[in-house]
Amino acid sequence: MTSPDKIWTAGLIVIGDEILSGRTQDKNIAQVASWLQVQGIRLAEVRVVPDVEARIVEAVNALRASNDYLFTTGGIGPTHDDITVDAVAAALGVPVVIHPDARAMLERYYATRGGLNEGRLRMARVPEGSELIPNRMSGAPGIRRGNIFLMAGVPHITAGMLDALTGELEGGAPLLSETLGGWIPESEVADILRQTEAAYETCQIGSYPFFREGRVGANFVVRSVSAEDLAACCAALAEGLAAAGHPVTPGGI
């Protein structure tokens, strides 16, 4: 489902003390961002917050107000510090309930794994009015309530939940990109980048410097929802850089 004229945005809240302490390296930001881009939705903001209900509530209310969609990762497991469901319910002003379908899924999954105990039943708790996001990796589903999506913190489980949502969200035209690279100090071409971007209103140019083999260079990534405008902007940028004595390599360096 696409609405090409509208720019759709999403916020992402990464929840967990283990991320902030460095014990766990987050991998979900990149995979959520990549998945959203294919859906025609831009990841506009990411916040990493601790397992503190008030902080999660604050982030949920801020990001859901400023974006079309809100995603969270982490904090929907079976332990006492998994409080994402409680925090989102508090932010929305609704109670937490046991979802009957989630309970049934967990009962089936744990039938041969020791049964459904109190901790495992926590994974059937949802903010009232929620739907479930299928999870083929383990018994516990993700949660969808309106435009808010609560997903696991474990990256391969998150990936499965994203697969289940593919094509389910309304978005705009996917963002296209092309890369031009060169052994170019970006400080020497800042004006060319700025002027080229200003000439192509539907395009954005990102500059990503690097240092390799004792030399400085940069890759310039041009993005647009229009293939025609993207090609024209790339051509103009390559021409402008070449005229200033900085030839570029299509595809980047």
Protein backbone atom coordinates (compact mmCIF):
# COMPACT_ATOMS: atom_id res chain seq x y z
CA MET A 1 0.00 0.00 0.00
CA THR A 2 1.61 3.26 -1.09
CA SER A 3 0.76 6.94 -1.02
CA PRO A 4 3.60 8.40 -3.11
CA ASP A 5 2.91 12.06 -2.36
CA LYS A 6 3.19 11.72 1.40
CA ILE A 7 6.41 11.13 3.32
CA TRP A 8 5.66 8.49 5.95
CA THR A 9 7.85 8.37 9.04
CA ALA A 10 8.48 6.05 11.96
CA GLY A 11 10.12 6.36 15.33
CA LEU A 12 12.00 3.53 17.04
CA ILE A 13 12.54 3.02 20.76
CA VAL A 14 15.25 0.52 21.71
CA ILE A 15 14.56 -0.60 25.26
CA GLY A 16 17.01 -2.24 27.65
CA ASP A 17 19.62 -1.56 30.29
CA GLU A 18 21.88 -4.09 28.55
CA ILE A 19 22.07 -1.86 25.45
CA LEU A 20 22.99 1.24 27.46
CA SER A 21 25.59 -0.64 29.52
CA GLY A 22 27.29 -2.03 26.42
CA ARG A 23 26.73 -5.65 27.43
CA THR A 24 24.64 -6.13 24.30
CA GLN A 25 25.31 -4.47 20.95
CA ASP A 26 22.12 -3.34 19.24
CA LYS A 27 21.53 -4.76 15.77
CA ASN A 28 17.88 -3.85 15.46
CA ILE A 29 18.27 -0.20 14.45
CA ALA A 30 19.88 -1.09 11.12
CA GLN A 31 17.48 -3.91 10.27
CA VAL A 32 14.38 -1.92 11.23
CA ALA A 33 15.63 1.08 9.21
CA SER A 34 16.34 -1.07 6.15
CA TRP A 35 12.98 -2.82 6.37
CA LEU A 36 11.12 0.47 6.76
CA GLN A 37 12.86 1.94 3.72
CA VAL A 38 11.59 -0.92 1.56
CA GLN A 39 8.08 -0.26 2.88
CA GLY A 40 8.38 3.40 1.82
CA ILE A 41 8.67 4.61 5.43
CA ARG A 42 11.57 6.67 6.75
CA LEU A 43 13.06 6.07 10.17
CA ALA A 44 13.00 9.61 11.52
CA GLU A 45 14.23 9.17 15.10
CA VAL A 46 15.67 6.52 17.42
CA ARG A 47 15.80 6.63 21.22
CA VAL A 48 17.57 4.13 23.47
CA VAL A 49 15.96 4.04 26.91
CA PRO A 50 16.48 2.00 30.10
CA ASP A 51 14.09 -0.47 31.69
CA VAL A 52 12.35 2.34 33.55
CA GLU A 53 8.62 2.72 32.97
CA ALA A 54 8.52 6.52 33.20
CA ARG A 55 11.32 6.86 30.63
CA ILE A 56 9.61 4.45 28.24
CA VAL A 57 6.26 6.25 28.64
CA GLU A 58 7.93 9.59 27.91
CA ALA A 59 9.60 8.26 24.76
CA VAL A 60 6.44 6.51 23.53
CA ASN A 61 4.33 9.65 23.86
CA ALA A 62 6.95 11.85 22.19
CA LEU A 63 7.65 9.62 19.21
CA ARG A 64 4.09 8.51 18.52
CA ALA A 65 3.01 12.16 18.40
CA SER A 66 5.59 13.09 15.78
CA ASN A 67 5.51 10.04 13.49
CA ASP A 68 3.05 7.92 11.53
CA TYR A 69 4.33 4.74 13.16
CA LEU A 70 6.18 3.78 16.32
CA PHE A 71 8.24 0.63 16.81
CA THR A 72 9.81 -0.66 20.01
CA THR A 73 12.33 -3.47 20.46
CA GLY A 74 13.02 -5.22 23.73
CA GLY A 75 11.24 -5.70 27.03
CA ILE A 76 8.43 -8.07 26.02
CA GLY A 77 9.92 -11.23 27.53
CA PRO A 78 9.02 -13.30 30.62
CA THR A 79 11.07 -11.62 33.36
CA HIS A 80 10.26 -8.90 35.89
CA ASP A 81 12.27 -6.25 34.04
CA ASP A 82 10.32 -6.79 30.80
CA ILE A 83 8.02 -3.81 31.27
CA THR A 84 7.44 -2.53 27.72
CA VAL A 85 3.81 -3.72 27.64
CA ASP A 86 3.06 -2.00 30.96
CA ALA A 87 4.74 1.22 29.84
CA VAL A 88 2.95 1.38 26.47
CA ALA A 89 -0.39 0.64 28.13
CA ALA A 90 0.29 3.45 30.61
CA ALA A 91 1.19 5.83 27.78
CA LEU A 92 -2.07 4.98 26.00
CA GLY A 93 -4.17 5.05 29.17
CA VAL A 94 -5.45 1.49 28.76
CA PRO A 95 -5.20 -1.59 31.01
CA VAL A 96 -2.97 -4.60 30.43
CA VAL A 97 -4.90 -7.79 29.59
CA ILE A 98 -4.10 -11.39 28.69
CA HIS A 99 -4.68 -11.85 24.95
CA PRO A 100 -6.52 -15.17 24.51
CA ASP A 101 -4.86 -15.99 21.19
CA ALA A 102 -1.42 -15.25 22.63
CA ARG A 103 -2.15 -17.49 25.58
CA ALA A 104 -3.24 -20.30 23.25
CA MET A 105 -0.07 -19.90 21.15
CA LEU A 106 2.11 -20.09 24.25
CA GLU A 107 0.24 -23.11 25.60
CA ARG A 108 0.87 -24.95 22.35
CA TYR A 109 4.51 -23.90 22.16
CA TYR A 110 5.33 -24.87 25.75
CA ALA A 111 3.25 -28.07 25.81
CA THR A 112 6.42 -30.09 25.21
CA ARG A 113 8.74 -27.57 26.91
CA GLY A 114 7.64 -27.75 30.53
CA GLY A 115 4.27 -26.07 30.28
CA LEU A 116 3.02 -22.52 30.68
CA ASN A 117 4.26 -21.05 33.98
CA GLU A 118 3.70 -17.60 35.42
CA GLY A 119 6.75 -16.09 33.73
CA ARG A 120 5.87 -17.47 30.33
CA LEU A 121 2.29 -16.28 30.68
CA ARG A 122 3.65 -12.72 30.98
CA MET A 123 4.37 -12.94 27.25
CA ALA A 124 0.61 -13.10 26.57
CA ARG A 125 0.06 -9.69 28.22
CA VAL A 126 -0.88 -6.85 25.86
CA PRO A 127 -2.28 -3.32 26.08
CA GLU A 128 -6.06 -3.69 25.77
CA GLY A 129 -7.23 -3.48 22.16
CA SER A 130 -4.04 -5.00 20.68
CA GLU A 131 -3.56 -7.41 17.80
CA LEU A 132 -0.73 -9.93 17.56
CA ILE A 133 2.30 -9.99 15.26
CA PRO A 134 3.12 -13.60 14.30
CA ASN A 135 6.45 -14.98 15.48
CA ARG A 136 7.50 -18.25 13.88
CA MET A 137 10.82 -18.29 15.77
CA SER A 138 9.43 -18.81 19.27
CA GLY A 139 6.07 -19.03 20.95
CA ALA A 140 5.76 -15.38 21.99
CA PRO A 141 4.11 -13.06 19.44
CA GLY A 142 4.81 -9.40 18.90
CA ILE A 143 2.11 -6.85 19.60
CA ARG A 144 0.39 -4.27 17.40
CA ARG A 145 -1.90 -1.62 18.75
CA GLY A 146 -2.94 0.81 16.05
CA ASN A 147 0.24 2.37 14.69
CA ILE A 148 2.44 1.07 17.54
CA PHE A 149 4.41 -2.15 17.13
CA LEU A 150 6.10 -3.91 20.06
CA MET A 151 8.76 -6.37 18.99
CA ALA A 152 11.37 -8.62 20.53
CA GLY A 153 14.85 -7.45 21.38
CA VAL A 154 16.53 -10.58 19.94
CA PRO A 155 17.44 -9.57 16.36
CA HIS A 156 16.54 -12.80 14.54
CA ILE A 157 13.13 -12.84 16.26
CA THR A 158 12.63 -9.18 15.38
CA ALA A 159 13.44 -10.04 11.76
CA GLY A 160 10.69 -12.66 11.72
CA MET A 161 8.18 -10.19 13.10
CA LEU A 162 9.15 -7.64 10.44
CA ASP A 163 8.66 -10.32 7.77
CA ALA A 164 5.15 -10.88 9.11
CA LEU A 165 4.41 -7.15 8.75
CA THR A 166 5.78 -6.82 5.22
CA GLY A 167 3.20 -5.21 2.97
CA GLU A 168 0.83 -4.55 5.89
CA LEU A 169 1.72 -0.89 6.47
CA GLU A 170 0.80 2.05 4.31
CA GLY A 171 3.85 3.93 3.09
CA GLY A 172 5.11 6.18 0.35
CA ALA A 173 7.38 5.55 -2.58
CA PRO A 174 10.56 3.72 -1.52
CA LEU A 175 13.62 5.89 -1.12
CA LEU A 176 16.16 5.23 -3.89
CA SER A 177 19.88 5.91 -3.57
CA GLU A 178 23.07 6.11 -5.60
CA THR A 179 26.63 6.52 -4.38
CA LEU A 180 29.50 8.50 -5.90
CA GLY A 181 32.93 8.26 -4.31
CA GLY A 182 36.33 9.82 -4.69
CA TRP A 183 39.60 10.61 -3.02
CA ILE A 184 38.13 13.97 -2.13
CA PRO A 185 38.44 15.91 1.15
CA GLU A 186 34.81 16.78 1.83
CA SER A 187 35.77 20.17 3.24
CA GLU A 188 36.94 21.19 -0.24
CA VAL A 189 33.61 20.41 -1.92
CA ALA A 190 31.07 21.46 0.73
CA ASP A 191 29.79 24.30 -1.48
CA ILE A 192 29.33 21.98 -4.48
CA LEU A 193 27.35 19.53 -2.37
CA ARG A 194 25.16 22.29 -0.93
CA GLN A 195 24.51 23.95 -4.29
CA THR A 196 23.69 20.66 -6.03
CA GLU A 197 21.26 19.61 -3.31
CA ALA A 198 19.59 23.04 -3.44
CA ALA A 199 19.10 22.67 -7.20
CA TYR A 200 17.28 19.34 -6.79
CA GLU A 201 14.56 19.78 -4.18
CA THR A 202 13.49 16.13 -4.21
CA CYS A 203 17.01 14.87 -3.48
CA GLN A 204 19.20 14.69 -0.38
CA ILE A 205 22.97 14.32 -0.45
CA GLY A 206 24.85 12.73 2.43
CA SER A 207 28.64 12.97 2.70
CA TYR A 208 30.56 10.15 4.39
CA PRO A 209 34.31 10.79 4.73
CA PHE A 210 36.89 8.03 5.22
CA PHE A 211 40.63 7.61 5.69
CA ARG A 212 42.30 4.71 3.88
CA GLU A 213 45.76 3.89 2.60
CA GLY A 214 47.03 7.12 4.12
CA ARG A 215 44.58 9.20 2.06
CA VAL A 216 41.31 10.97 2.76
CA GLY A 217 38.23 10.51 0.64
CA ALA A 218 34.45 10.59 0.79
CA ASN A 219 31.43 8.76 -0.53
CA PHE A 220 28.46 10.91 -1.46
CA VAL A 221 25.08 9.18 -1.19
CA VAL A 222 22.24 10.78 -3.15
CA ARG A 223 18.69 9.80 -2.16
CA SER A 224 15.32 10.49 -3.77
CA VAL A 225 11.93 8.86 -4.31
CA SER A 226 12.20 9.81 -8.00
CA ALA A 227 14.51 7.72 -10.19
CA GLU A 228 14.58 10.50 -12.79
CA ASP A 229 15.51 13.22 -10.29
CA LEU A 230 18.07 10.91 -8.67
CA ALA A 231 19.83 10.32 -11.99
CA ALA A 232 19.84 14.02 -12.85
CA CYS A 233 21.19 15.02 -9.43
CA CYS A 234 23.95 12.39 -9.59
CA ALA A 235 24.96 13.57 -13.05
CA ALA A 236 25.05 17.19 -11.91
CA LEU A 237 27.07 16.32 -8.82
CA ALA A 238 29.59 14.26 -10.79
CA GLU A 239 29.95 17.07 -13.33
CA GLY A 240 30.39 19.71 -10.63
CA LEU A 241 33.01 17.70 -8.78
CA ALA A 242 34.90 16.87 -11.99
CA ALA A 243 34.93 20.53 -12.99
CA ALA A 244 36.56 21.31 -9.66
CA GLY A 245 39.25 18.69 -10.29
CA HIS A 246 37.67 15.88 -8.33
CA PRO A 247 36.68 12.92 -10.52
CA VAL A 248 34.28 10.42 -8.91
CA THR A 249 33.71 6.68 -9.06
CA PRO A 250 30.10 5.51 -9.52
CA GLY A 251 29.12 3.10 -6.76
CA GLY A 252 31.56 4.67 -4.32
CA ILE A 253 35.00 3.74 -3.04
